[in-house]
Amino acid sequence: MKNKMIFLAMFFMAITTANAQLKNQFVKIETAQGSCIIKLYDETPIHRDNFIRLVKSRYFDATTFNRILKGFVIQGGDPDSLYDKSKTLKPEQKWIKPEFNAALYHKRGVLAMGRDDNKAKESFTTQIYIVDGRTYTDEQLNAIEKKNNVHFSESQREVYRTRGGTPMLDQNYTVFGEIVKGMNLIDKITAVKVNKDGNPDKEVWMKITLLTPKQVANALK
């Protein structure tokens, strides 16, 4: 009896630990070029919840990655033209307040929301992008800090020097997730043929699925 109780206690402890480790929510993005797993940040709840709502409704499955700029970003969802304020927007197309966090930055592989040049830096609810970017020197990062009035910690500088990203977008566009598996999807998508504006010759479709904790655990093995 005692051994059985110990076993049950260890079992429930293991479940609790697993749930604690997976407190963030994860999505899978699938394309013809491959797939990746993205962890959504709990520190950006407005963007996270907006994104999850649209993923559950399969909204993004009817869109594409329509602007692919190697060395910069892979943009998808609704294009800028659908946010023309002189037109009537669909219910899903809104602007949401930015959720800037100095600890969340535009390293390679992060997921962020696009926007227009509105002064409040509010995000488009149905436009996303994944950062490709490039590496930067300390001198280049110093210049960006001075120009944009931002500060890069030493750990962020190390990432920008080695992994790369788009530091000029920090504190200007909200990042709300990052690739935790399948980073090579970026290389595969940026390898597709595009025109001078970054529009692919062949449609790059996407399918985004919200994963259960069990699916996440299996996917990250």
N, C-alpha and C. Protein backbone atom coordinates (compact mmCIF):
# COMPACT_ATOMS: atom_id res chain seq x y z
N MET A 1 0.84 -1.21 0.00
CA MET A 1 0.00 0.00 0.00
C MET A 1 0.87 1.25 0.00
N LYS A 2 1.90 1.20 0.86
CA LYS A 2 2.80 2.36 0.97
C LYS A 2 3.51 2.61 -0.35
N ASN A 3 3.99 1.52 -0.99
CA ASN A 3 4.67 1.65 -2.28
C ASN A 3 3.74 2.21 -3.35
N LYS A 4 2.48 1.81 -3.30
CA LYS A 4 1.49 2.29 -4.26
C LYS A 4 1.28 3.79 -4.10
N MET A 5 1.21 4.26 -2.87
CA MET A 5 1.01 5.69 -2.61
C MET A 5 2.22 6.49 -3.06
N ILE A 6 3.42 5.92 -2.84
CA ILE A 6 4.63 6.60 -3.29
C ILE A 6 4.63 6.71 -4.81
N PHE A 7 4.23 5.63 -5.49
CA PHE A 7 4.16 5.63 -6.95
C PHE A 7 3.20 6.69 -7.46
N LEU A 8 2.01 6.77 -6.85
CA LEU A 8 1.01 7.75 -7.27
C LEU A 8 1.51 9.16 -7.04
N ALA A 9 2.19 9.38 -5.90
CA ALA A 9 2.73 10.70 -5.60
C ALA A 9 3.76 11.11 -6.65
N MET A 10 4.63 10.17 -7.03
CA MET A 10 5.65 10.45 -8.05
C MET A 10 5.01 10.68 -9.41
N PHE A 11 3.93 9.93 -9.69
CA PHE A 11 3.23 10.07 -10.96
C PHE A 11 2.64 11.47 -11.11
N PHE A 12 1.92 11.92 -10.06
CA PHE A 12 1.31 13.24 -10.12
C PHE A 12 2.36 14.34 -10.11
N MET A 13 3.48 14.10 -9.45
CA MET A 13 4.56 15.08 -9.44
C MET A 13 5.14 15.23 -10.85
N ALA A 14 5.27 14.11 -11.54
CA ALA A 14 5.80 14.13 -12.91
C ALA A 14 4.88 14.89 -13.84
N ILE A 15 3.56 14.68 -13.68
CA ILE A 15 2.58 15.39 -14.50
C ILE A 15 2.65 16.89 -14.23
N THR A 16 2.73 17.24 -12.95
CA THR A 16 2.81 18.66 -12.57
C THR A 16 4.05 19.31 -13.14
N THR A 17 5.19 18.61 -13.06
CA THR A 17 6.44 19.14 -13.59
C THR A 17 6.37 19.33 -15.09
N ALA A 18 5.80 18.34 -15.78
CA ALA A 18 5.67 18.43 -17.24
C ALA A 18 4.80 19.61 -17.64
N ASN A 19 3.69 19.79 -16.93
CA ASN A 19 2.79 20.90 -17.24
C ASN A 19 3.47 22.24 -16.97
N ALA A 20 4.29 22.29 -15.91
CA ALA A 20 4.99 23.53 -15.59
C ALA A 20 5.99 23.87 -16.67
N GLN A 21 6.66 22.81 -17.20
CA GLN A 21 7.65 23.04 -18.24
C GLN A 21 6.99 23.47 -19.55
N LEU A 22 5.73 23.12 -19.75
CA LEU A 22 5.03 23.45 -20.98
C LEU A 22 3.96 24.51 -20.76
N LYS A 23 4.23 25.45 -19.85
CA LYS A 23 3.21 26.45 -19.55
C LYS A 23 2.94 27.34 -20.75
N ASN A 24 3.95 27.54 -21.60
CA ASN A 24 3.71 28.31 -22.82
C ASN A 24 2.88 27.48 -23.79
N GLN A 25 2.24 28.16 -24.73
CA GLN A 25 1.49 27.46 -25.76
C GLN A 25 2.33 27.43 -27.04
N PHE A 26 2.12 26.38 -27.81
CA PHE A 26 2.94 26.15 -29.00
C PHE A 26 2.05 25.93 -30.23
N VAL A 27 2.58 26.34 -31.37
CA VAL A 27 1.89 26.09 -32.63
C VAL A 27 2.85 25.43 -33.61
N LYS A 28 2.29 24.75 -34.58
CA LYS A 28 3.08 24.17 -35.66
C LYS A 28 2.70 24.88 -36.96
N ILE A 29 3.71 25.38 -37.65
CA ILE A 29 3.48 25.99 -38.97
C ILE A 29 3.97 25.02 -40.02
N GLU A 30 3.08 24.63 -40.92
CA GLU A 30 3.41 23.72 -42.00
C GLU A 30 3.33 24.44 -43.34
N THR A 31 4.27 24.15 -44.22
CA THR A 31 4.27 24.69 -45.58
C THR A 31 4.73 23.57 -46.51
N ALA A 32 4.68 23.84 -47.81
CA ALA A 32 5.19 22.86 -48.76
C ALA A 32 6.70 22.70 -48.62
N GLN A 33 7.35 23.71 -48.05
CA GLN A 33 8.80 23.69 -47.89
C GLN A 33 9.25 22.96 -46.62
N GLY A 34 8.32 22.73 -45.69
CA GLY A 34 8.68 22.09 -44.43
C GLY A 34 7.83 22.65 -43.30
N SER A 35 8.25 22.40 -42.06
CA SER A 35 7.46 22.84 -40.91
C SER A 35 8.37 23.30 -39.77
N CYS A 36 7.77 23.94 -38.77
CA CYS A 36 8.50 24.35 -37.58
C CYS A 36 7.54 24.40 -36.40
N ILE A 37 8.11 24.35 -35.20
CA ILE A 37 7.35 24.48 -33.96
C ILE A 37 7.69 25.83 -33.34
N ILE A 38 6.67 26.58 -32.96
CA ILE A 38 6.87 27.91 -32.39
C ILE A 38 6.28 27.99 -30.99
N LYS A 39 7.08 28.49 -30.07
CA LYS A 39 6.61 28.76 -28.70
C LYS A 39 6.10 30.19 -28.64
N LEU A 40 4.88 30.38 -28.14
CA LEU A 40 4.29 31.70 -28.01
C LEU A 40 4.66 32.28 -26.64
N TYR A 41 5.01 33.55 -26.60
CA TYR A 41 5.44 34.17 -25.35
C TYR A 41 4.26 34.50 -24.45
N ASP A 42 4.36 34.13 -23.19
CA ASP A 42 3.34 34.51 -22.21
C ASP A 42 3.45 36.00 -21.86
N GLU A 43 4.61 36.59 -22.14
CA GLU A 43 4.82 38.01 -21.82
C GLU A 43 4.08 38.95 -22.76
N THR A 44 3.51 38.40 -23.83
CA THR A 44 2.74 39.21 -24.79
C THR A 44 1.35 38.62 -24.94
N PRO A 45 0.53 38.66 -23.89
CA PRO A 45 -0.76 37.96 -23.89
C PRO A 45 -1.77 38.47 -24.92
N ILE A 46 -1.76 39.76 -25.24
CA ILE A 46 -2.72 40.29 -26.20
C ILE A 46 -2.44 39.70 -27.58
N HIS A 47 -1.18 39.74 -27.99
CA HIS A 47 -0.81 39.19 -29.30
C HIS A 47 -0.95 37.67 -29.31
N ARG A 48 -0.54 37.03 -28.22
CA ARG A 48 -0.66 35.58 -28.13
C ARG A 48 -2.10 35.12 -28.28
N ASP A 49 -2.99 35.74 -27.51
CA ASP A 49 -4.40 35.30 -27.53
C ASP A 49 -5.08 35.62 -28.85
N ASN A 50 -4.73 36.77 -29.44
CA ASN A 50 -5.27 37.11 -30.75
C ASN A 50 -4.84 36.07 -31.78
N PHE A 51 -3.57 35.70 -31.74
CA PHE A 51 -3.04 34.73 -32.68
C PHE A 51 -3.68 33.36 -32.50
N ILE A 52 -3.80 32.92 -31.26
CA ILE A 52 -4.41 31.62 -30.98
C ILE A 52 -5.86 31.58 -31.46
N ARG A 53 -6.59 32.65 -31.24
CA ARG A 53 -7.99 32.71 -31.68
C ARG A 53 -8.07 32.53 -33.20
N LEU A 54 -7.19 33.19 -33.93
CA LEU A 54 -7.20 33.09 -35.38
C LEU A 54 -6.73 31.71 -35.86
N VAL A 55 -5.76 31.14 -35.15
CA VAL A 55 -5.29 29.80 -35.50
C VAL A 55 -6.41 28.78 -35.31
N LYS A 56 -7.13 28.89 -34.20
CA LYS A 56 -8.23 27.96 -33.94
C LYS A 56 -9.33 28.07 -35.00
N SER A 57 -9.53 29.27 -35.53
CA SER A 57 -10.57 29.47 -36.56
C SER A 57 -10.06 29.10 -37.96
N ARG A 58 -8.78 28.68 -38.05
CA ARG A 58 -8.13 28.32 -39.32
C ARG A 58 -7.97 29.53 -40.24
N TYR A 59 -7.94 30.71 -39.66
CA TYR A 59 -7.86 31.94 -40.46
C TYR A 59 -6.61 31.95 -41.35
N PHE A 60 -5.47 31.67 -40.76
CA PHE A 60 -4.22 31.77 -41.51
C PHE A 60 -4.08 30.70 -42.59
N ASP A 61 -4.84 29.61 -42.46
CA ASP A 61 -4.75 28.54 -43.45
C ASP A 61 -5.22 28.99 -44.83
N ALA A 62 -5.96 30.09 -44.87
CA ALA A 62 -6.44 30.62 -46.15
C ALA A 62 -5.52 31.72 -46.67
N THR A 63 -4.37 31.93 -45.99
CA THR A 63 -3.43 32.97 -46.41
C THR A 63 -2.11 32.33 -46.81
N THR A 64 -1.15 33.16 -47.18
CA THR A 64 0.15 32.65 -47.64
C THR A 64 1.28 33.50 -47.04
N PHE A 65 2.51 33.02 -47.26
CA PHE A 65 3.68 33.87 -47.03
C PHE A 65 3.88 34.62 -48.34
N ASN A 66 3.43 35.85 -48.37
CA ASN A 66 3.34 36.58 -49.62
C ASN A 66 4.52 37.52 -49.89
N ARG A 67 5.39 37.71 -48.89
CA ARG A 67 6.53 38.62 -49.08
C ARG A 67 7.75 37.98 -48.40
N ILE A 68 8.69 37.55 -49.21
CA ILE A 68 9.85 36.81 -48.70
C ILE A 68 11.12 37.59 -49.01
N LEU A 69 11.73 38.14 -47.99
CA LEU A 69 12.91 38.98 -48.14
C LEU A 69 14.08 38.31 -47.44
N LYS A 70 14.89 37.59 -48.18
CA LYS A 70 16.04 36.89 -47.61
C LYS A 70 16.96 37.87 -46.90
N GLY A 71 17.38 37.52 -45.69
CA GLY A 71 18.22 38.42 -44.92
C GLY A 71 17.44 39.44 -44.12
N PHE A 72 16.10 39.37 -44.21
CA PHE A 72 15.26 40.31 -43.47
C PHE A 72 14.11 39.55 -42.79
N VAL A 73 12.96 39.41 -43.46
CA VAL A 73 11.83 38.71 -42.86
C VAL A 73 11.04 37.92 -43.90
N ILE A 74 10.22 36.99 -43.39
CA ILE A 74 9.27 36.23 -44.20
C ILE A 74 7.89 36.66 -43.72
N GLN A 75 7.17 37.40 -44.53
CA GLN A 75 5.89 37.99 -44.12
C GLN A 75 4.72 37.20 -44.67
N GLY A 76 3.70 36.98 -43.82
CA GLY A 76 2.53 36.24 -44.25
C GLY A 76 1.26 36.74 -43.60
N GLY A 77 0.16 36.02 -43.85
CA GLY A 77 -1.13 36.49 -43.38
C GLY A 77 -1.68 37.50 -44.36
N ASP A 78 -2.42 38.47 -43.88
CA ASP A 78 -3.01 39.46 -44.77
C ASP A 78 -1.99 40.51 -45.19
N PRO A 79 -1.95 40.88 -46.47
CA PRO A 79 -1.04 41.93 -46.94
C PRO A 79 -1.49 43.31 -46.48
N ASP A 80 -0.59 44.27 -46.60
CA ASP A 80 -0.87 45.64 -46.16
C ASP A 80 -2.13 46.21 -46.79
N SER A 81 -2.38 45.86 -48.05
CA SER A 81 -3.49 46.45 -48.79
C SER A 81 -4.84 46.18 -48.13
N LEU A 82 -4.96 45.09 -47.39
CA LEU A 82 -6.24 44.77 -46.75
C LEU A 82 -6.48 45.60 -45.49
N TYR A 83 -5.50 46.41 -45.10
CA TYR A 83 -5.66 47.27 -43.93
C TYR A 83 -5.82 48.74 -44.34
N ASP A 84 -6.15 48.96 -45.59
CA ASP A 84 -6.38 50.33 -46.05
C ASP A 84 -7.54 50.92 -45.26
N LYS A 85 -7.26 51.97 -44.51
CA LYS A 85 -8.28 52.53 -43.60
C LYS A 85 -9.45 53.19 -44.32
N SER A 86 -9.33 53.35 -45.63
CA SER A 86 -10.46 53.93 -46.38
C SER A 86 -11.46 52.86 -46.77
N LYS A 87 -11.14 51.61 -46.47
CA LYS A 87 -12.02 50.49 -46.80
C LYS A 87 -12.59 49.88 -45.54
N THR A 88 -13.59 49.02 -45.70
CA THR A 88 -14.19 48.33 -44.57
C THR A 88 -13.39 47.08 -44.27
N LEU A 89 -12.94 46.97 -43.03
CA LEU A 89 -12.15 45.83 -42.62
C LEU A 89 -13.03 44.65 -42.24
N LYS A 90 -12.49 43.45 -42.39
CA LYS A 90 -13.17 42.27 -41.88
C LYS A 90 -13.10 42.32 -40.35
N PRO A 91 -13.99 41.61 -39.66
CA PRO A 91 -14.00 41.65 -38.19
C PRO A 91 -12.65 41.28 -37.57
N GLU A 92 -11.92 40.39 -38.22
CA GLU A 92 -10.63 39.94 -37.67
C GLU A 92 -9.51 40.97 -37.85
N GLN A 93 -9.73 41.91 -38.78
CA GLN A 93 -8.67 42.87 -39.10
C GLN A 93 -8.81 44.13 -38.26
N LYS A 94 -7.92 44.20 -37.27
CA LYS A 94 -7.95 45.34 -36.35
C LYS A 94 -6.52 45.79 -36.08
N TRP A 95 -6.39 46.78 -35.23
CA TRP A 95 -5.08 47.19 -34.73
C TRP A 95 -5.08 46.90 -33.23
N ILE A 96 -3.99 46.32 -32.74
CA ILE A 96 -3.89 46.07 -31.30
C ILE A 96 -2.64 46.75 -30.75
N LYS A 97 -2.73 47.16 -29.50
CA LYS A 97 -1.65 47.92 -28.87
C LYS A 97 -0.37 47.09 -28.81
N PRO A 98 0.78 47.76 -28.95
CA PRO A 98 2.05 47.04 -28.91
C PRO A 98 2.31 46.47 -27.51
N GLU A 99 3.10 45.42 -27.47
CA GLU A 99 3.51 44.82 -26.20
C GLU A 99 5.04 44.67 -26.23
N PHE A 100 5.71 45.81 -26.14
CA PHE A 100 7.16 45.79 -26.20
C PHE A 100 7.75 45.31 -24.87
N ASN A 101 8.77 44.51 -24.98
CA ASN A 101 9.46 43.96 -23.81
C ASN A 101 10.94 43.89 -24.18
N ALA A 102 11.77 44.57 -23.39
CA ALA A 102 13.20 44.64 -23.72
C ALA A 102 13.85 43.27 -23.79
N ALA A 103 13.27 42.29 -23.09
CA ALA A 103 13.84 40.94 -23.08
C ALA A 103 13.45 40.13 -24.32
N LEU A 104 12.46 40.62 -25.07
CA LEU A 104 11.99 39.95 -26.28
C LEU A 104 12.44 40.77 -27.48
N TYR A 105 13.27 40.20 -28.30
CA TYR A 105 13.89 40.99 -29.37
C TYR A 105 13.92 40.21 -30.67
N HIS A 106 14.32 40.88 -31.74
CA HIS A 106 14.22 40.34 -33.10
C HIS A 106 15.39 39.46 -33.50
N LYS A 107 15.68 38.44 -32.70
CA LYS A 107 16.69 37.46 -33.11
C LYS A 107 16.13 36.60 -34.23
N ARG A 108 16.98 35.94 -34.94
CA ARG A 108 16.56 35.08 -36.04
C ARG A 108 15.61 34.00 -35.52
N GLY A 109 14.47 33.83 -36.20
CA GLY A 109 13.52 32.79 -35.83
C GLY A 109 12.35 33.26 -34.99
N VAL A 110 12.31 34.55 -34.62
CA VAL A 110 11.16 35.00 -33.83
C VAL A 110 9.96 35.26 -34.73
N LEU A 111 8.78 35.18 -34.11
CA LEU A 111 7.51 35.45 -34.77
C LEU A 111 7.01 36.80 -34.29
N ALA A 112 6.59 37.65 -35.20
CA ALA A 112 6.15 39.00 -34.83
C ALA A 112 4.95 39.41 -35.66
N MET A 113 4.31 40.50 -35.24
CA MET A 113 3.16 41.06 -35.95
C MET A 113 3.59 42.26 -36.79
N GLY A 114 3.05 42.32 -38.01
CA GLY A 114 3.32 43.46 -38.87
C GLY A 114 2.42 44.62 -38.51
N ARG A 115 2.68 45.77 -39.12
CA ARG A 115 1.86 46.96 -38.90
C ARG A 115 2.15 47.98 -39.99
N ASP A 116 1.36 49.07 -39.97
CA ASP A 116 1.65 50.19 -40.86
C ASP A 116 2.52 51.16 -40.08
N ASP A 117 2.60 52.41 -40.56
CA ASP A 117 3.47 53.39 -39.90
C ASP A 117 2.72 54.24 -38.87
N ASN A 118 1.67 53.68 -38.25
CA ASN A 118 0.91 54.44 -37.26
C ASN A 118 1.81 54.82 -36.08
N LYS A 119 1.58 56.00 -35.52
CA LYS A 119 2.45 56.55 -34.47
C LYS A 119 2.41 55.73 -33.18
N ALA A 120 1.28 55.07 -32.93
CA ALA A 120 1.15 54.27 -31.71
C ALA A 120 1.84 52.91 -31.83
N LYS A 121 2.34 52.59 -33.04
CA LYS A 121 3.01 51.32 -33.31
C LYS A 121 2.11 50.12 -33.03
N GLU A 122 0.82 50.31 -33.31
CA GLU A 122 -0.14 49.23 -33.11
C GLU A 122 0.00 48.18 -34.22
N SER A 123 -0.20 46.93 -33.85
CA SER A 123 0.00 45.82 -34.78
C SER A 123 -1.26 45.51 -35.58
N PHE A 124 -1.05 44.98 -36.80
CA PHE A 124 -2.14 44.39 -37.55
C PHE A 124 -2.45 43.03 -36.93
N THR A 125 -3.70 42.72 -36.72
CA THR A 125 -4.03 41.45 -36.05
C THR A 125 -3.84 40.22 -36.93
N THR A 126 -3.84 40.38 -38.24
CA THR A 126 -3.80 39.20 -39.11
C THR A 126 -2.57 39.18 -40.03
N GLN A 127 -1.54 39.93 -39.67
CA GLN A 127 -0.31 39.92 -40.46
C GLN A 127 0.86 39.51 -39.57
N ILE A 128 1.57 38.49 -39.98
CA ILE A 128 2.68 37.98 -39.19
C ILE A 128 3.97 37.98 -40.00
N TYR A 129 5.10 37.87 -39.32
CA TYR A 129 6.36 37.66 -40.03
C TYR A 129 7.33 36.88 -39.14
N ILE A 130 8.19 36.12 -39.80
CA ILE A 130 9.26 35.38 -39.14
C ILE A 130 10.57 36.03 -39.53
N VAL A 131 11.43 36.28 -38.55
CA VAL A 131 12.69 36.97 -38.82
C VAL A 131 13.74 36.03 -39.39
N ASP A 132 14.33 36.43 -40.51
CA ASP A 132 15.53 35.78 -41.05
C ASP A 132 16.73 36.60 -40.57
N GLY A 133 16.90 37.79 -41.11
CA GLY A 133 17.92 38.71 -40.64
C GLY A 133 19.34 38.32 -41.04
N ARG A 134 20.31 38.98 -40.40
CA ARG A 134 21.72 38.71 -40.64
C ARG A 134 22.49 39.04 -39.37
N THR A 135 23.80 38.81 -39.38
CA THR A 135 24.60 39.12 -38.20
C THR A 135 25.06 40.58 -38.23
N TYR A 136 25.36 41.10 -37.04
CA TYR A 136 25.76 42.51 -36.90
C TYR A 136 27.01 42.61 -36.03
N THR A 137 27.80 43.64 -36.30
CA THR A 137 28.97 43.92 -35.48
C THR A 137 28.56 44.83 -34.32
N ASP A 138 29.43 44.93 -33.32
CA ASP A 138 29.14 45.83 -32.20
C ASP A 138 29.01 47.27 -32.67
N GLU A 139 29.82 47.66 -33.63
CA GLU A 139 29.75 49.03 -34.15
C GLU A 139 28.39 49.29 -34.79
N GLN A 140 27.88 48.33 -35.53
CA GLN A 140 26.57 48.48 -36.16
C GLN A 140 25.46 48.52 -35.11
N LEU A 141 25.59 47.70 -34.07
CA LEU A 141 24.60 47.69 -32.99
C LEU A 141 24.64 49.01 -32.22
N ASN A 142 25.82 49.55 -32.03
CA ASN A 142 25.94 50.85 -31.36
C ASN A 142 25.20 51.93 -32.14
N ALA A 143 25.33 51.89 -33.46
CA ALA A 143 24.67 52.89 -34.31
C ALA A 143 23.15 52.74 -34.23
N ILE A 144 22.66 51.51 -34.18
CA ILE A 144 21.22 51.28 -34.08
C ILE A 144 20.70 51.75 -32.72
N GLU A 145 21.47 51.49 -31.66
CA GLU A 145 21.08 51.97 -30.33
C GLU A 145 20.92 53.48 -30.32
N LYS A 146 21.87 54.17 -30.90
CA LYS A 146 21.86 55.63 -30.92
C LYS A 146 20.71 56.17 -31.76
N LYS A 147 20.48 55.56 -32.92
CA LYS A 147 19.44 56.03 -33.83
C LYS A 147 18.05 55.77 -33.29
N ASN A 148 17.83 54.56 -32.73
CA ASN A 148 16.47 54.16 -32.31
C ASN A 148 16.22 54.31 -30.81
N ASN A 149 17.22 54.80 -30.08
CA ASN A 149 17.08 54.99 -28.63
C ASN A 149 16.68 53.69 -27.93
N VAL A 150 17.42 52.62 -28.23
CA VAL A 150 17.20 51.32 -27.60
C VAL A 150 18.51 50.88 -26.96
N HIS A 151 18.44 49.82 -26.18
CA HIS A 151 19.66 49.28 -25.55
C HIS A 151 19.70 47.77 -25.73
N PHE A 152 20.84 47.27 -26.17
CA PHE A 152 21.03 45.83 -26.33
C PHE A 152 21.91 45.32 -25.19
N SER A 153 21.42 44.32 -24.47
CA SER A 153 22.23 43.73 -23.41
C SER A 153 23.38 42.96 -24.05
N GLU A 154 24.34 42.56 -23.25
CA GLU A 154 25.48 41.82 -23.79
C GLU A 154 25.03 40.48 -24.36
N SER A 155 24.06 39.83 -23.72
CA SER A 155 23.57 38.54 -24.24
C SER A 155 22.85 38.74 -25.58
N GLN A 156 22.11 39.85 -25.71
CA GLN A 156 21.45 40.13 -26.98
C GLN A 156 22.47 40.44 -28.07
N ARG A 157 23.50 41.19 -27.70
CA ARG A 157 24.56 41.50 -28.66
C ARG A 157 25.23 40.22 -29.17
N GLU A 158 25.46 39.29 -28.26
CA GLU A 158 26.10 38.03 -28.66
C GLU A 158 25.22 37.28 -29.66
N VAL A 159 23.90 37.29 -29.43
CA VAL A 159 22.99 36.63 -30.36
C VAL A 159 23.00 37.34 -31.71
N TYR A 160 22.96 38.66 -31.71
CA TYR A 160 22.98 39.40 -32.97
C TYR A 160 24.31 39.25 -33.71
N ARG A 161 25.41 39.05 -32.96
CA ARG A 161 26.71 38.86 -33.59
C ARG A 161 26.85 37.47 -34.20
N THR A 162 26.19 36.48 -33.61
CA THR A 162 26.39 35.09 -34.03
C THR A 162 25.19 34.48 -34.76
N ARG A 163 24.03 34.59 -34.16
CA ARG A 163 22.81 34.00 -34.75
C ARG A 163 22.17 34.94 -35.75
N GLY A 164 22.24 36.23 -35.46
CA GLY A 164 21.67 37.22 -36.36
C GLY A 164 20.23 37.59 -36.04
N GLY A 165 19.70 38.51 -36.81
CA GLY A 165 18.33 38.98 -36.61
C GLY A 165 18.12 40.32 -37.28
N THR A 166 17.14 41.05 -36.81
CA THR A 166 16.84 42.39 -37.36
C THR A 166 16.71 43.38 -36.20
N PRO A 167 17.81 43.78 -35.58
CA PRO A 167 17.78 44.64 -34.39
C PRO A 167 17.15 46.01 -34.61
N MET A 168 17.12 46.48 -35.84
CA MET A 168 16.52 47.80 -36.10
C MET A 168 15.00 47.79 -35.88
N LEU A 169 14.41 46.59 -35.76
CA LEU A 169 12.96 46.49 -35.53
C LEU A 169 12.60 46.43 -34.05
N ASP A 170 13.60 46.27 -33.18
CA ASP A 170 13.33 46.16 -31.74
C ASP A 170 12.62 47.40 -31.20
N GLN A 171 11.61 47.15 -30.37
CA GLN A 171 10.80 48.21 -29.76
C GLN A 171 10.02 49.02 -30.79
N ASN A 172 9.89 48.46 -31.97
CA ASN A 172 9.09 49.09 -33.02
C ASN A 172 7.98 48.16 -33.51
N TYR A 173 8.23 46.86 -33.43
CA TYR A 173 7.26 45.85 -33.82
C TYR A 173 7.23 44.81 -32.70
N THR A 174 6.04 44.29 -32.40
CA THR A 174 5.90 43.35 -31.29
C THR A 174 6.25 41.93 -31.70
N VAL A 175 7.23 41.33 -31.02
CA VAL A 175 7.54 39.92 -31.19
C VAL A 175 6.75 39.14 -30.14
N PHE A 176 6.21 37.99 -30.52
CA PHE A 176 5.36 37.27 -29.56
C PHE A 176 5.59 35.76 -29.57
N GLY A 177 6.67 35.31 -30.20
CA GLY A 177 6.98 33.90 -30.20
C GLY A 177 8.30 33.63 -30.88
N GLU A 178 8.76 32.38 -30.83
CA GLU A 178 10.02 32.03 -31.49
C GLU A 178 10.04 30.56 -31.87
N ILE A 179 10.75 30.26 -32.94
CA ILE A 179 10.91 28.87 -33.39
C ILE A 179 11.77 28.12 -32.39
N VAL A 180 11.28 26.96 -31.94
CA VAL A 180 12.05 26.12 -31.03
C VAL A 180 12.47 24.81 -31.70
N LYS A 181 11.91 24.53 -32.86
CA LYS A 181 12.32 23.38 -33.65
C LYS A 181 11.98 23.64 -35.11
N GLY A 182 12.93 23.33 -35.99
CA GLY A 182 12.67 23.51 -37.42
C GLY A 182 13.15 24.84 -37.95
N MET A 183 14.24 25.37 -37.39
CA MET A 183 14.76 26.66 -37.85
C MET A 183 15.14 26.64 -39.32
N ASN A 184 15.46 25.45 -39.84
CA ASN A 184 15.85 25.37 -41.25
C ASN A 184 14.71 25.69 -42.20
N LEU A 185 13.48 25.79 -41.67
CA LEU A 185 12.36 26.19 -42.53
C LEU A 185 12.62 27.58 -43.11
N ILE A 186 13.29 28.43 -42.35
CA ILE A 186 13.60 29.78 -42.84
C ILE A 186 14.44 29.70 -44.10
N ASP A 187 15.49 28.86 -44.08
CA ASP A 187 16.35 28.72 -45.25
C ASP A 187 15.59 28.16 -46.45
N LYS A 188 14.67 27.24 -46.17
CA LYS A 188 13.92 26.63 -47.27
C LYS A 188 12.96 27.62 -47.91
N ILE A 189 12.30 28.44 -47.08
CA ILE A 189 11.35 29.41 -47.65
C ILE A 189 12.09 30.54 -48.36
N THR A 190 13.18 31.01 -47.79
CA THR A 190 13.91 32.11 -48.43
C THR A 190 14.65 31.66 -49.68
N ALA A 191 14.65 30.35 -49.94
CA ALA A 191 15.28 29.84 -51.16
C ALA A 191 14.33 29.83 -52.35
N VAL A 192 13.05 30.06 -52.10
CA VAL A 192 12.09 30.05 -53.23
C VAL A 192 12.33 31.27 -54.12
N LYS A 193 11.96 31.14 -55.35
CA LYS A 193 12.17 32.22 -56.32
C LYS A 193 11.14 33.33 -56.09
N VAL A 194 11.61 34.57 -56.01
CA VAL A 194 10.73 35.72 -55.80
C VAL A 194 11.06 36.82 -56.80
N ASN A 195 10.13 37.77 -56.94
CA ASN A 195 10.40 38.92 -57.81
C ASN A 195 11.13 40.02 -57.02
N LYS A 196 11.32 41.16 -57.62
CA LYS A 196 12.08 42.23 -56.98
C LYS A 196 11.42 42.76 -55.71
N ASP A 197 10.12 42.53 -55.55
CA ASP A 197 9.39 42.98 -54.37
C ASP A 197 9.32 41.90 -53.29
N GLY A 198 9.88 40.75 -53.57
CA GLY A 198 9.85 39.66 -52.60
C GLY A 198 8.64 38.77 -52.71
N ASN A 199 7.83 38.98 -53.73
CA ASN A 199 6.64 38.14 -53.93
C ASN A 199 7.04 36.84 -54.63
N PRO A 200 6.71 35.68 -54.03
CA PRO A 200 7.13 34.40 -54.62
C PRO A 200 6.43 34.11 -55.94
N ASP A 201 7.15 33.46 -56.85
CA ASP A 201 6.58 33.08 -58.13
C ASP A 201 5.48 32.05 -57.94
N LYS A 202 5.68 31.15 -56.98
CA LYS A 202 4.71 30.11 -56.68
C LYS A 202 4.20 30.32 -55.25
N GLU A 203 2.89 30.26 -55.07
CA GLU A 203 2.27 30.52 -53.77
C GLU A 203 2.88 29.66 -52.66
N VAL A 204 3.25 30.31 -51.55
CA VAL A 204 3.78 29.60 -50.39
C VAL A 204 2.67 29.54 -49.34
N TRP A 205 1.90 28.45 -49.37
CA TRP A 205 0.75 28.32 -48.46
C TRP A 205 1.24 27.98 -47.05
N MET A 206 0.36 28.17 -46.09
CA MET A 206 0.68 27.82 -44.71
C MET A 206 -0.52 27.15 -44.05
N LYS A 207 -0.21 26.31 -43.08
CA LYS A 207 -1.21 25.70 -42.23
C LYS A 207 -0.68 25.80 -40.80
N ILE A 208 -1.46 26.42 -39.91
CA ILE A 208 -1.00 26.62 -38.54
C ILE A 208 -1.93 25.90 -37.58
N THR A 209 -1.35 25.10 -36.69
CA THR A 209 -2.13 24.29 -35.75
C THR A 209 -1.68 24.56 -34.32
N LEU A 210 -2.64 24.72 -33.41
CA LEU A 210 -2.33 24.84 -31.99
C LEU A 210 -2.08 23.44 -31.44
N LEU A 211 -0.96 23.25 -30.76
CA LEU A 211 -0.59 21.93 -30.27
C LEU A 211 -1.02 21.70 -28.83
N THR A 212 -1.36 20.46 -28.52
CA THR A 212 -1.65 20.07 -27.15
C THR A 212 -0.32 19.83 -26.43
N PRO A 213 -0.32 19.84 -25.09
CA PRO A 213 0.92 19.55 -24.35
C PRO A 213 1.56 18.23 -24.76
N LYS A 214 0.74 17.21 -25.00
CA LYS A 214 1.27 15.91 -25.41
C LYS A 214 1.92 16.00 -26.77
N GLN A 215 1.30 16.73 -27.70
CA GLN A 215 1.87 16.89 -29.03
C GLN A 215 3.19 17.65 -28.97
N VAL A 216 3.25 18.65 -28.09
CA VAL A 216 4.48 19.42 -27.92
C VAL A 216 5.59 18.53 -27.40
N ALA A 217 5.28 17.77 -26.36
CA ALA A 217 6.29 16.87 -25.77
C ALA A 217 6.84 15.89 -26.80
N ASN A 218 5.96 15.35 -27.63
CA ASN A 218 6.39 14.41 -28.66
C ASN A 218 7.21 15.11 -29.75
N ALA A 219 6.78 16.32 -30.11
CA ALA A 219 7.45 17.05 -31.19
C ALA A 219 8.85 17.51 -30.79
N LEU A 220 9.04 17.79 -29.51
CA LEU A 220 10.33 18.32 -29.04
C LEU A 220 11.28 17.26 -28.52
N LYS A 221 10.92 16.00 -28.69
CA LYS A 221 11.80 14.91 -28.25
C LYS A 221 13.11 14.93 -29.03
